[in-house]
């Protein structure tokens, strides 16, 4: 790919992309905990 594409990919991967992955995965875990602990839904088993 071109240098411009490499630059865009690198900027996203090392910046917003990494932050969004961490945030989204954390939100996913928190949602599971909410359903298990608060709504008493058995999701893990």
ModelCIF file with pLDDT and N, C-alpha, C, O atoms, coordinates in Angstrom:
data_MODEL
#
_entry.id   MODEL 
#
_entity.id                         1 
_entity.type                       polymer 
_entity.pdbx_number_of_molecules   1 
#
_entity_poly.entity_id                      1 
_entity_poly.type                           'polypeptide(L)' 
_entity_poly.nstd_linkage                   no 
_entity_poly.nstd_monomer                   no 
_entity_poly.pdbx_seq_one_letter_code       
;(UNK)(UNK)(UNK)(UNK)(UNK)(UNK)(UNK)(UNK)(UNK)(UNK)(UNK)(UNK)(UNK)(UNK)(UNK)(UNK)
(UNK)(UNK)(UNK)(UNK)(UNK)(UNK)(UNK)(UNK)(UNK)(UNK)(UNK)(UNK)(UNK)(UNK)(UNK)(UNK)
(UNK)(UNK)(UNK)(UNK)(UNK)(UNK)(UNK)(UNK)(UNK)(UNK)(UNK)(UNK)(UNK)
;
_entity_poly.pdbx_seq_one_letter_code_can   XXXXXXXXXXXXXXXXXXXXXXXXXXXXXXXXXXXXXXXXXXXXX 
_entity_poly.pdbx_strand_id                 A 
#
loop_
_entity_poly_seq.entity_id 
_entity_poly_seq.num 
_entity_poly_seq.mon_id 
_entity_poly_seq.hetero 
1 1  UNK n 
1 2  UNK n 
1 3  UNK n 
1 4  UNK n 
1 5  UNK n 
1 6  UNK n 
1 7  UNK n 
1 8  UNK n 
1 9  UNK n 
1 10 UNK n 
1 11 UNK n 
1 12 UNK n 
1 13 UNK n 
1 14 UNK n 
1 15 UNK n 
1 16 UNK n 
1 17 UNK n 
1 18 UNK n 
1 19 UNK n 
1 20 UNK n 
1 21 UNK n 
1 22 UNK n 
1 23 UNK n 
1 24 UNK n 
1 25 UNK n 
1 26 UNK n 
1 27 UNK n 
1 28 UNK n 
1 29 UNK n 
1 30 UNK n 
1 31 UNK n 
1 32 UNK n 
1 33 UNK n 
1 34 UNK n 
1 35 UNK n 
1 36 UNK n 
1 37 UNK n 
1 38 UNK n 
1 39 UNK n 
1 40 UNK n 
1 41 UNK n 
1 42 UNK n 
1 43 UNK n 
1 44 UNK n 
1 45 UNK n 
#
_struct_asym.id          A 
_struct_asym.entity_id   1 
#
loop_
_ma_qa_metric.id 
_ma_qa_metric.mode 
_ma_qa_metric.name 
_ma_qa_metric.software_group_id 
_ma_qa_metric.type 
1 global pLDDT . pLDDT 
2 local  pLDDT . pLDDT 
#
_ma_qa_metric_global.metric_id      1 
_ma_qa_metric_global.metric_value   84.67 
_ma_qa_metric_global.model_id       1 
_ma_qa_metric_global.ordinal_id     1 
#
loop_
_ma_qa_metric_local.label_asym_id 
_ma_qa_metric_local.label_comp_id 
_ma_qa_metric_local.label_seq_id 
_ma_qa_metric_local.metric_id 
_ma_qa_metric_local.metric_value 
_ma_qa_metric_local.model_id 
_ma_qa_metric_local.ordinal_id 
A UNK 1  2 95.00 1 1  
A UNK 2  2 94.00 1 2  
A UNK 3  2 92.00 1 3  
A UNK 4  2 95.00 1 4  
A UNK 5  2 96.00 1 5  
A UNK 6  2 95.00 1 6  
A UNK 7  2 95.00 1 7  
A UNK 8  2 96.00 1 8  
A UNK 9  2 96.00 1 9  
A UNK 10 2 94.00 1 10 
A UNK 11 2 94.00 1 11 
A UNK 12 2 95.00 1 12 
A UNK 13 2 94.00 1 13 
A UNK 14 2 91.00 1 14 
A UNK 15 2 93.00 1 15 
A UNK 16 2 94.00 1 16 
A UNK 17 2 94.00 1 17 
A UNK 18 2 92.00 1 18 
A UNK 19 2 93.00 1 19 
A UNK 20 2 93.00 1 20 
A UNK 21 2 91.00 1 21 
A UNK 22 2 89.00 1 22 
A UNK 23 2 90.00 1 23 
A UNK 24 2 84.00 1 24 
A UNK 25 2 81.00 1 25 
A UNK 26 2 85.00 1 26 
A UNK 27 2 83.00 1 27 
A UNK 28 2 76.00 1 28 
A UNK 29 2 80.00 1 29 
A UNK 30 2 82.00 1 30 
A UNK 31 2 76.00 1 31 
A UNK 32 2 74.00 1 32 
A UNK 33 2 78.00 1 33 
A UNK 34 2 76.00 1 34 
A UNK 35 2 69.00 1 35 
A UNK 36 2 69.00 1 36 
A UNK 37 2 74.00 1 37 
A UNK 38 2 73.00 1 38 
A UNK 39 2 66.00 1 39 
A UNK 40 2 68.00 1 40 
A UNK 41 2 67.00 1 41 
A UNK 42 2 68.00 1 42 
A UNK 43 2 69.00 1 43 
A UNK 44 2 77.00 1 44 
A UNK 45 2 84.00 1 45 
#
loop_
_atom_site.group_PDB 
_atom_site.id 
_atom_site.type_symbol 
_atom_site.label_atom_id 
_atom_site.label_alt_id 
_atom_site.label_comp_id 
_atom_site.label_asym_id 
_atom_site.label_entity_id 
_atom_site.label_seq_id 
_atom_site.pdbx_PDB_ins_code 
_atom_site.Cartn_x 
_atom_site.Cartn_y 
_atom_site.Cartn_z 
_atom_site.occupancy 
_atom_site.B_iso_or_equiv 
_atom_site.pdbx_formal_charge 
_atom_site.auth_seq_id 
_atom_site.auth_comp_id 
_atom_site.auth_asym_id 
_atom_site.auth_atom_id 
_atom_site.pdbx_PDB_model_num 
ATOM 1   N N  . UNK A 1 1  ? 0.839   -1.195  0.000  1.00 95.00 ? 1  UNK A N  1 
ATOM 2   C CA . UNK A 1 1  ? 0.000   0.000   0.000  1.00 95.00 ? 1  UNK A CA 1 
ATOM 3   C C  . UNK A 1 1  ? 0.875   1.246   0.000  1.00 95.00 ? 1  UNK A C  1 
ATOM 4   O O  . UNK A 1 1  ? 2.080   1.172   0.243  1.00 95.00 ? 1  UNK A O  1 
ATOM 5   N N  . UNK A 1 2  ? 0.266   2.374   -0.271 1.00 94.00 ? 2  UNK A N  1 
ATOM 6   C CA . UNK A 1 2  ? 1.016   3.626   -0.353 1.00 94.00 ? 2  UNK A CA 1 
ATOM 7   C C  . UNK A 1 2  ? 1.447   4.109   1.028  1.00 94.00 ? 2  UNK A C  1 
ATOM 8   O O  . UNK A 1 2  ? 0.946   3.647   2.053  1.00 94.00 ? 2  UNK A O  1 
ATOM 9   N N  . UNK A 1 3  ? 2.384   5.044   1.028  1.00 92.00 ? 3  UNK A N  1 
ATOM 10  C CA . UNK A 1 3  ? 2.855   5.617   2.280  1.00 92.00 ? 3  UNK A CA 1 
ATOM 11  C C  . UNK A 1 3  ? 1.757   6.339   3.032  1.00 92.00 ? 3  UNK A C  1 
ATOM 12  O O  . UNK A 1 3  ? 1.733   6.322   4.262  1.00 92.00 ? 3  UNK A O  1 
ATOM 13  N N  . UNK A 1 4  ? 0.839   6.981   2.299  1.00 95.00 ? 4  UNK A N  1 
ATOM 14  C CA . UNK A 1 4  ? -0.268  7.682   2.952  1.00 95.00 ? 4  UNK A CA 1 
ATOM 15  C C  . UNK A 1 4  ? -1.175  6.702   3.690  1.00 95.00 ? 4  UNK A C  1 
ATOM 16  O O  . UNK A 1 4  ? -1.642  6.981   4.794  1.00 95.00 ? 4  UNK A O  1 
ATOM 17  N N  . UNK A 1 5  ? -1.418  5.546   3.062  1.00 96.00 ? 5  UNK A N  1 
ATOM 18  C CA . UNK A 1 5  ? -2.261  4.536   3.705  1.00 96.00 ? 5  UNK A CA 1 
ATOM 19  C C  . UNK A 1 5  ? -1.565  3.988   4.948  1.00 96.00 ? 5  UNK A C  1 
ATOM 20  O O  . UNK A 1 5  ? -2.199  3.792   5.985  1.00 96.00 ? 5  UNK A O  1 
ATOM 21  N N  . UNK A 1 6  ? -0.258  3.743   4.839  1.00 95.00 ? 6  UNK A N  1 
ATOM 22  C CA . UNK A 1 6  ? 0.508   3.255   5.996  1.00 95.00 ? 6  UNK A CA 1 
ATOM 23  C C  . UNK A 1 6  ? 0.446   4.261   7.134  1.00 95.00 ? 6  UNK A C  1 
ATOM 24  O O  . UNK A 1 6  ? 0.284   3.885   8.295  1.00 95.00 ? 6  UNK A O  1 
ATOM 25  N N  . UNK A 1 7  ? 0.575   5.538   6.798  1.00 95.00 ? 7  UNK A N  1 
ATOM 26  C CA . UNK A 1 7  ? 0.537   6.583   7.827  1.00 95.00 ? 7  UNK A CA 1 
ATOM 27  C C  . UNK A 1 7  ? -0.831  6.638   8.507  1.00 95.00 ? 7  UNK A C  1 
ATOM 28  O O  . UNK A 1 7  ? -0.920  6.744   9.730  1.00 95.00 ? 7  UNK A O  1 
ATOM 29  N N  . UNK A 1 8  ? -1.898  6.565   7.704  1.00 96.00 ? 8  UNK A N  1 
ATOM 30  C CA . UNK A 1 8  ? -3.248  6.584   8.276  1.00 96.00 ? 8  UNK A CA 1 
ATOM 31  C C  . UNK A 1 8  ? -3.499  5.353   9.149  1.00 96.00 ? 8  UNK A C  1 
ATOM 32  O O  . UNK A 1 8  ? -4.053  5.453   10.244 1.00 96.00 ? 8  UNK A O  1 
ATOM 33  N N  . UNK A 1 9  ? -3.081  4.195   8.644  1.00 96.00 ? 9  UNK A N  1 
ATOM 34  C CA . UNK A 1 9  ? -3.281  2.951   9.393  1.00 96.00 ? 9  UNK A CA 1 
ATOM 35  C C  . UNK A 1 9  ? -2.518  2.980   10.713 1.00 96.00 ? 9  UNK A C  1 
ATOM 36  O O  . UNK A 1 9  ? -3.038  2.572   11.751 1.00 96.00 ? 9  UNK A O  1 
ATOM 37  N N  . UNK A 1 10 ? -1.277  3.465   10.662 1.00 94.00 ? 10 UNK A N  1 
ATOM 38  C CA . UNK A 1 10 ? -0.455  3.516   11.870 1.00 94.00 ? 10 UNK A CA 1 
ATOM 39  C C  . UNK A 1 10 ? -1.047  4.474   12.891 1.00 94.00 ? 10 UNK A C  1 
ATOM 40  O O  . UNK A 1 10 ? -1.113  4.169   14.082 1.00 94.00 ? 10 UNK A O  1 
ATOM 41  N N  . UNK A 1 11 ? -1.479  5.646   12.406 1.00 94.00 ? 11 UNK A N  1 
ATOM 42  C CA . UNK A 1 11 ? -2.061  6.630   13.315 1.00 94.00 ? 11 UNK A CA 1 
ATOM 43  C C  . UNK A 1 11 ? -3.304  6.107   14.003 1.00 94.00 ? 11 UNK A C  1 
ATOM 44  O O  . UNK A 1 11 ? -3.494  6.320   15.201 1.00 94.00 ? 11 UNK A O  1 
ATOM 45  N N  . UNK A 1 12 ? -4.156  5.418   13.244 1.00 95.00 ? 12 UNK A N  1 
ATOM 46  C CA . UNK A 1 12 ? -5.378  4.857   13.839 1.00 95.00 ? 12 UNK A CA 1 
ATOM 47  C C  . UNK A 1 12 ? -5.047  3.720   14.793 1.00 95.00 ? 12 UNK A C  1 
ATOM 48  O O  . UNK A 1 12 ? -5.575  3.662   15.904 1.00 95.00 ? 12 UNK A O  1 
ATOM 49  N N  . UNK A 1 13 ? -4.176  2.819   14.365 1.00 94.00 ? 13 UNK A N  1 
ATOM 50  C CA . UNK A 1 13 ? -3.875  1.625   15.157 1.00 94.00 ? 13 UNK A CA 1 
ATOM 51  C C  . UNK A 1 13 ? -3.251  1.981   16.498 1.00 94.00 ? 13 UNK A C  1 
ATOM 52  O O  . UNK A 1 13 ? -3.581  1.380   17.521 1.00 94.00 ? 13 UNK A O  1 
ATOM 53  N N  . UNK A 1 14 ? -2.357  2.949   16.496 1.00 91.00 ? 14 UNK A N  1 
ATOM 54  C CA . UNK A 1 14 ? -1.645  3.300   17.724 1.00 91.00 ? 14 UNK A CA 1 
ATOM 55  C C  . UNK A 1 14 ? -2.376  4.352   18.550 1.00 91.00 ? 14 UNK A C  1 
ATOM 56  O O  . UNK A 1 14 ? -2.024  4.594   19.704 1.00 91.00 ? 14 UNK A O  1 
ATOM 57  N N  . UNK A 1 15 ? -3.403  4.984   17.956 1.00 93.00 ? 15 UNK A N  1 
ATOM 58  C CA . UNK A 1 15 ? -4.120  6.042   18.656 1.00 93.00 ? 15 UNK A CA 1 
ATOM 59  C C  . UNK A 1 15 ? -5.551  5.680   18.971 1.00 93.00 ? 15 UNK A C  1 
ATOM 60  O O  . UNK A 1 15 ? -5.807  4.906   19.893 1.00 93.00 ? 15 UNK A O  1 
ATOM 61  N N  . UNK A 1 16 ? -6.508  6.240   18.203 1.00 94.00 ? 16 UNK A N  1 
ATOM 62  C CA . UNK A 1 16 ? -7.935  6.009   18.491 1.00 94.00 ? 16 UNK A CA 1 
ATOM 63  C C  . UNK A 1 16 ? -8.320  4.534   18.515 1.00 94.00 ? 16 UNK A C  1 
ATOM 64  O O  . UNK A 1 16 ? -9.110  4.113   19.361 1.00 94.00 ? 16 UNK A O  1 
ATOM 65  N N  . UNK A 1 17 ? -7.764  3.741   17.584 1.00 94.00 ? 17 UNK A N  1 
ATOM 66  C CA . UNK A 1 17 ? -8.134  2.328   17.522 1.00 94.00 ? 17 UNK A CA 1 
ATOM 67  C C  . UNK A 1 17 ? -7.854  1.599   18.816 1.00 94.00 ? 17 UNK A C  1 
ATOM 68  O O  . UNK A 1 17 ? -8.700  0.865   19.325 1.00 94.00 ? 17 UNK A O  1 
ATOM 69  N N  . UNK A 1 18 ? -6.658  1.807   19.345 1.00 92.00 ? 18 UNK A N  1 
ATOM 70  C CA . UNK A 1 18 ? -6.277  1.139   20.598 1.00 92.00 ? 18 UNK A CA 1 
ATOM 71  C C  . UNK A 1 18 ? -7.189  1.568   21.742 1.00 92.00 ? 18 UNK A C  1 
ATOM 72  O O  . UNK A 1 18 ? -7.617  0.742   22.549 1.00 92.00 ? 18 UNK A O  1 
ATOM 73  N N  . UNK A 1 19 ? -7.487  2.874   21.807 1.00 93.00 ? 19 UNK A N  1 
ATOM 74  C CA . UNK A 1 19 ? -8.343  3.396   22.874 1.00 93.00 ? 19 UNK A CA 1 
ATOM 75  C C  . UNK A 1 19 ? -9.756  2.819   22.767 1.00 93.00 ? 19 UNK A C  1 
ATOM 76  O O  . UNK A 1 19 ? -10.358 2.446   23.774 1.00 93.00 ? 19 UNK A O  1 
ATOM 77  N N  . UNK A 1 20 ? -10.280 2.750   21.543 1.00 93.00 ? 20 UNK A N  1 
ATOM 78  C CA . UNK A 1 20 ? -11.639 2.240   21.347 1.00 93.00 ? 20 UNK A CA 1 
ATOM 79  C C  . UNK A 1 20 ? -11.722 0.763   21.706 1.00 93.00 ? 20 UNK A C  1 
ATOM 80  O O  . UNK A 1 20 ? -12.703 0.328   22.309 1.00 93.00 ? 20 UNK A O  1 
ATOM 81  N N  . UNK A 1 21 ? -10.706 -0.012  21.343 1.00 91.00 ? 21 UNK A N  1 
ATOM 82  C CA . UNK A 1 21 ? -10.694 -1.438  21.686 1.00 91.00 ? 21 UNK A CA 1 
ATOM 83  C C  . UNK A 1 21 ? -10.748 -1.619  23.196 1.00 91.00 ? 21 UNK A C  1 
ATOM 84  O O  . UNK A 1 21 ? -11.556 -2.393  23.709 1.00 91.00 ? 21 UNK A O  1 
ATOM 85  N N  . UNK A 1 22 ? -9.882  -0.900  23.905 1.00 89.00 ? 22 UNK A N  1 
ATOM 86  C CA . UNK A 1 22 ? -9.850  -1.022  25.364 1.00 89.00 ? 22 UNK A CA 1 
ATOM 87  C C  . UNK A 1 22 ? -11.185 -0.592  25.969 1.00 89.00 ? 22 UNK A C  1 
ATOM 88  O O  . UNK A 1 22 ? -11.708 -1.251  26.867 1.00 89.00 ? 22 UNK A O  1 
ATOM 89  N N  . UNK A 1 23 ? -11.737 0.527   25.465 1.00 90.00 ? 23 UNK A N  1 
ATOM 90  C CA . UNK A 1 23 ? -13.005 1.034   26.006 1.00 90.00 ? 23 UNK A CA 1 
ATOM 91  C C  . UNK A 1 23 ? -14.158 0.089   25.702 1.00 90.00 ? 23 UNK A C  1 
ATOM 92  O O  . UNK A 1 23 ? -14.985 -0.186  26.571 1.00 90.00 ? 23 UNK A O  1 
ATOM 93  N N  . UNK A 1 24 ? -14.216 -0.408  24.470 1.00 84.00 ? 24 UNK A N  1 
ATOM 94  C CA . UNK A 1 24 ? -15.340 -1.261  24.077 1.00 84.00 ? 24 UNK A CA 1 
ATOM 95  C C  . UNK A 1 24 ? -15.295 -2.605  24.791 1.00 84.00 ? 24 UNK A C  1 
ATOM 96  O O  . UNK A 1 24 ? -16.329 -3.109  25.231 1.00 84.00 ? 24 UNK A O  1 
ATOM 97  N N  . UNK A 1 25 ? -14.116 -3.184  24.908 1.00 81.00 ? 25 UNK A N  1 
ATOM 98  C CA . UNK A 1 25 ? -13.988 -4.452  25.618 1.00 81.00 ? 25 UNK A CA 1 
ATOM 99  C C  . UNK A 1 25 ? -14.341 -4.265  27.097 1.00 81.00 ? 25 UNK A C  1 
ATOM 100 O O  . UNK A 1 25 ? -15.003 -5.113  27.695 1.00 81.00 ? 25 UNK A O  1 
ATOM 101 N N  . UNK A 1 26 ? -13.896 -3.152  27.676 1.00 85.00 ? 26 UNK A N  1 
ATOM 102 C CA . UNK A 1 26 ? -14.232 -2.869  29.078 1.00 85.00 ? 26 UNK A CA 1 
ATOM 103 C C  . UNK A 1 26 ? -15.730 -2.706  29.253 1.00 85.00 ? 26 UNK A C  1 
ATOM 104 O O  . UNK A 1 26 ? -16.305 -3.201  30.222 1.00 85.00 ? 26 UNK A O  1 
ATOM 105 N N  . UNK A 1 27 ? -16.369 -2.008  28.307 1.00 83.00 ? 27 UNK A N  1 
ATOM 106 C CA . UNK A 1 27 ? -17.821 -1.822  28.362 1.00 83.00 ? 27 UNK A CA 1 
ATOM 107 C C  . UNK A 1 27 ? -18.544 -3.155  28.227 1.00 83.00 ? 27 UNK A C  1 
ATOM 108 O O  . UNK A 1 27 ? -19.557 -3.391  28.885 1.00 83.00 ? 27 UNK A O  1 
ATOM 109 N N  . UNK A 1 28 ? -18.018 -4.023  27.371 1.00 76.00 ? 28 UNK A N  1 
ATOM 110 C CA . UNK A 1 28 ? -18.610 -5.352  27.182 1.00 76.00 ? 28 UNK A CA 1 
ATOM 111 C C  . UNK A 1 28 ? -18.562 -6.145  28.492 1.00 76.00 ? 28 UNK A C  1 
ATOM 112 O O  . UNK A 1 28 ? -19.541 -6.788  28.870 1.00 76.00 ? 28 UNK A O  1 
ATOM 113 N N  . UNK A 1 29 ? -17.426 -6.095  29.174 1.00 80.00 ? 29 UNK A N  1 
ATOM 114 C CA . UNK A 1 29 ? -17.277 -6.804  30.446 1.00 80.00 ? 29 UNK A CA 1 
ATOM 115 C C  . UNK A 1 29 ? -18.216 -6.222  31.495 1.00 80.00 ? 29 UNK A C  1 
ATOM 116 O O  . UNK A 1 29 ? -18.852 -6.965  32.242 1.00 80.00 ? 29 UNK A O  1 
ATOM 117 N N  . UNK A 1 30 ? -18.305 -4.891  31.554 1.00 82.00 ? 30 UNK A N  1 
ATOM 118 C CA . UNK A 1 30 ? -19.196 -4.244  32.525 1.00 82.00 ? 30 UNK A CA 1 
ATOM 119 C C  . UNK A 1 30 ? -20.659 -4.596  32.256 1.00 82.00 ? 30 UNK A C  1 
ATOM 120 O O  . UNK A 1 30 ? -21.439 -4.789  33.188 1.00 82.00 ? 30 UNK A O  1 
ATOM 121 N N  . UNK A 1 31 ? -21.027 -4.680  30.969 1.00 76.00 ? 31 UNK A N  1 
ATOM 122 C CA . UNK A 1 31 ? -22.404 -5.044  30.632 1.00 76.00 ? 31 UNK A CA 1 
ATOM 123 C C  . UNK A 1 31 ? -22.716 -6.464  31.093 1.00 76.00 ? 31 UNK A C  1 
ATOM 124 O O  . UNK A 1 31 ? -23.802 -6.729  31.610 1.00 76.00 ? 31 UNK A O  1 
ATOM 125 N N  . UNK A 1 32 ? -21.766 -7.374  30.905 1.00 74.00 ? 32 UNK A N  1 
ATOM 126 C CA . UNK A 1 32 ? -21.958 -8.751  31.360 1.00 74.00 ? 32 UNK A CA 1 
ATOM 127 C C  . UNK A 1 32 ? -22.120 -8.786  32.877 1.00 74.00 ? 32 UNK A C  1 
ATOM 128 O O  . UNK A 1 32 ? -22.998 -9.474  33.397 1.00 74.00 ? 32 UNK A O  1 
ATOM 129 N N  . UNK A 1 33 ? -21.267 -8.040  33.587 1.00 78.00 ? 33 UNK A N  1 
ATOM 130 C CA . UNK A 1 33 ? -21.365 -7.991  35.047 1.00 78.00 ? 33 UNK A CA 1 
ATOM 131 C C  . UNK A 1 33 ? -22.709 -7.409  35.488 1.00 78.00 ? 33 UNK A C  1 
ATOM 132 O O  . UNK A 1 33 ? -23.287 -7.862  36.476 1.00 78.00 ? 33 UNK A O  1 
ATOM 133 N N  . UNK A 1 34 ? -23.202 -6.415  34.767 1.00 76.00 ? 34 UNK A N  1 
ATOM 134 C CA . UNK A 1 34 ? -24.500 -5.813  35.101 1.00 76.00 ? 34 UNK A CA 1 
ATOM 135 C C  . UNK A 1 34 ? -25.613 -6.849  34.974 1.00 76.00 ? 34 UNK A C  1 
ATOM 136 O O  . UNK A 1 34 ? -26.462 -6.973  35.857 1.00 76.00 ? 34 UNK A O  1 
ATOM 137 N N  . UNK A 1 35 ? -25.600 -7.590  33.870 1.00 69.00 ? 35 UNK A N  1 
ATOM 138 C CA . UNK A 1 35 ? -26.654 -8.589  33.656 1.00 69.00 ? 35 UNK A CA 1 
ATOM 139 C C  . UNK A 1 35 ? -26.547 -9.730  34.672 1.00 69.00 ? 35 UNK A C  1 
ATOM 140 O O  . UNK A 1 35 ? -27.562 -10.279 35.101 1.00 69.00 ? 35 UNK A O  1 
ATOM 141 N N  . UNK A 1 36 ? -25.323 -10.081 35.053 1.00 69.00 ? 36 UNK A N  1 
ATOM 142 C CA . UNK A 1 36 ? -25.138 -11.193 35.991 1.00 69.00 ? 36 UNK A CA 1 
ATOM 143 C C  . UNK A 1 36 ? -25.468 -10.772 37.426 1.00 69.00 ? 36 UNK A C  1 
ATOM 144 O O  . UNK A 1 36 ? -26.179 -11.483 38.137 1.00 69.00 ? 36 UNK A O  1 
ATOM 145 N N  . UNK A 1 37 ? -24.953 -9.622  37.844 1.00 74.00 ? 37 UNK A N  1 
ATOM 146 C CA . UNK A 1 37 ? -25.075 -9.217  39.241 1.00 74.00 ? 37 UNK A CA 1 
ATOM 147 C C  . UNK A 1 37 ? -26.365 -8.459  39.546 1.00 74.00 ? 37 UNK A C  1 
ATOM 148 O O  . UNK A 1 37 ? -26.926 -8.591  40.633 1.00 74.00 ? 37 UNK A O  1 
ATOM 149 N N  . UNK A 1 38 ? -26.831 -7.668  38.588 1.00 73.00 ? 38 UNK A N  1 
ATOM 150 C CA . UNK A 1 38 ? -28.009 -6.839  38.834 1.00 73.00 ? 38 UNK A CA 1 
ATOM 151 C C  . UNK A 1 38 ? -29.285 -7.504  38.323 1.00 73.00 ? 38 UNK A C  1 
ATOM 152 O O  . UNK A 1 38 ? -30.258 -7.641  39.065 1.00 73.00 ? 38 UNK A O  1 
ATOM 153 N N  . UNK A 1 39 ? -29.280 -7.915  37.063 1.00 66.00 ? 39 UNK A N  1 
ATOM 154 C CA . UNK A 1 39 ? -30.484 -8.499  36.479 1.00 66.00 ? 39 UNK A CA 1 
ATOM 155 C C  . UNK A 1 39 ? -30.583 -10.010 36.707 1.00 66.00 ? 39 UNK A C  1 
ATOM 156 O O  . UNK A 1 39 ? -31.588 -10.636 36.371 1.00 66.00 ? 39 UNK A O  1 
ATOM 157 N N  . UNK A 1 40 ? -29.513 -10.588 37.289 1.00 68.00 ? 40 UNK A N  1 
ATOM 158 C CA . UNK A 1 40 ? -29.520 -12.008 37.643 1.00 68.00 ? 40 UNK A CA 1 
ATOM 159 C C  . UNK A 1 40 ? -29.708 -12.923 36.433 1.00 68.00 ? 40 UNK A C  1 
ATOM 160 O O  . UNK A 1 40 ? -30.366 -13.959 36.528 1.00 68.00 ? 40 UNK A O  1 
ATOM 161 N N  . UNK A 1 41 ? -29.137 -12.542 35.315 1.00 67.00 ? 41 UNK A N  1 
ATOM 162 C CA . UNK A 1 41 ? -29.164 -13.398 34.136 1.00 67.00 ? 41 UNK A CA 1 
ATOM 163 C C  . UNK A 1 41 ? -27.902 -14.254 34.114 1.00 67.00 ? 41 UNK A C  1 
ATOM 164 O O  . UNK A 1 41 ? -26.800 -13.742 34.313 1.00 67.00 ? 41 UNK A O  1 
ATOM 165 N N  . UNK A 1 42 ? -28.056 -15.531 33.877 1.00 68.00 ? 42 UNK A N  1 
ATOM 166 C CA . UNK A 1 42 ? -26.897 -16.424 33.816 1.00 68.00 ? 42 UNK A CA 1 
ATOM 167 C C  . UNK A 1 42 ? -26.286 -16.367 32.416 1.00 68.00 ? 42 UNK A C  1 
ATOM 168 O O  . UNK A 1 42 ? -26.782 -16.995 31.481 1.00 68.00 ? 42 UNK A O  1 
ATOM 169 N N  . UNK A 1 43 ? -25.210 -15.608 32.291 1.00 69.00 ? 43 UNK A N  1 
ATOM 170 C CA . UNK A 1 43 ? -24.570 -15.441 30.988 1.00 69.00 ? 43 UNK A CA 1 
ATOM 171 C C  . UNK A 1 43 ? -23.272 -16.233 30.867 1.00 69.00 ? 43 UNK A C  1 
ATOM 172 O O  . UNK A 1 43 ? -22.933 -16.719 29.788 1.00 69.00 ? 43 UNK A O  1 
ATOM 173 N N  . UNK A 1 44 ? -22.551 -16.360 31.972 1.00 77.00 ? 44 UNK A N  1 
ATOM 174 C CA . UNK A 1 44 ? -21.225 -16.988 31.921 1.00 77.00 ? 44 UNK A CA 1 
ATOM 175 C C  . UNK A 1 44 ? -21.338 -18.503 31.849 1.00 77.00 ? 44 UNK A C  1 
ATOM 176 O O  . UNK A 1 44 ? -20.674 -19.136 31.028 1.00 77.00 ? 44 UNK A O  1 
ATOM 177 N N  . UNK A 1 45 ? -22.171 -19.087 32.699 1.00 84.00 ? 45 UNK A N  1 
ATOM 178 C CA . UNK A 1 45 ? -22.270 -20.547 32.738 1.00 84.00 ? 45 UNK A CA 1 
ATOM 179 C C  . UNK A 1 45 ? -22.678 -21.154 31.394 1.00 84.00 ? 45 UNK A C  1 
ATOM 180 O O  . UNK A 1 45 ? -22.800 -22.373 31.279 1.00 84.00 ? 45 UNK A O  1 
#
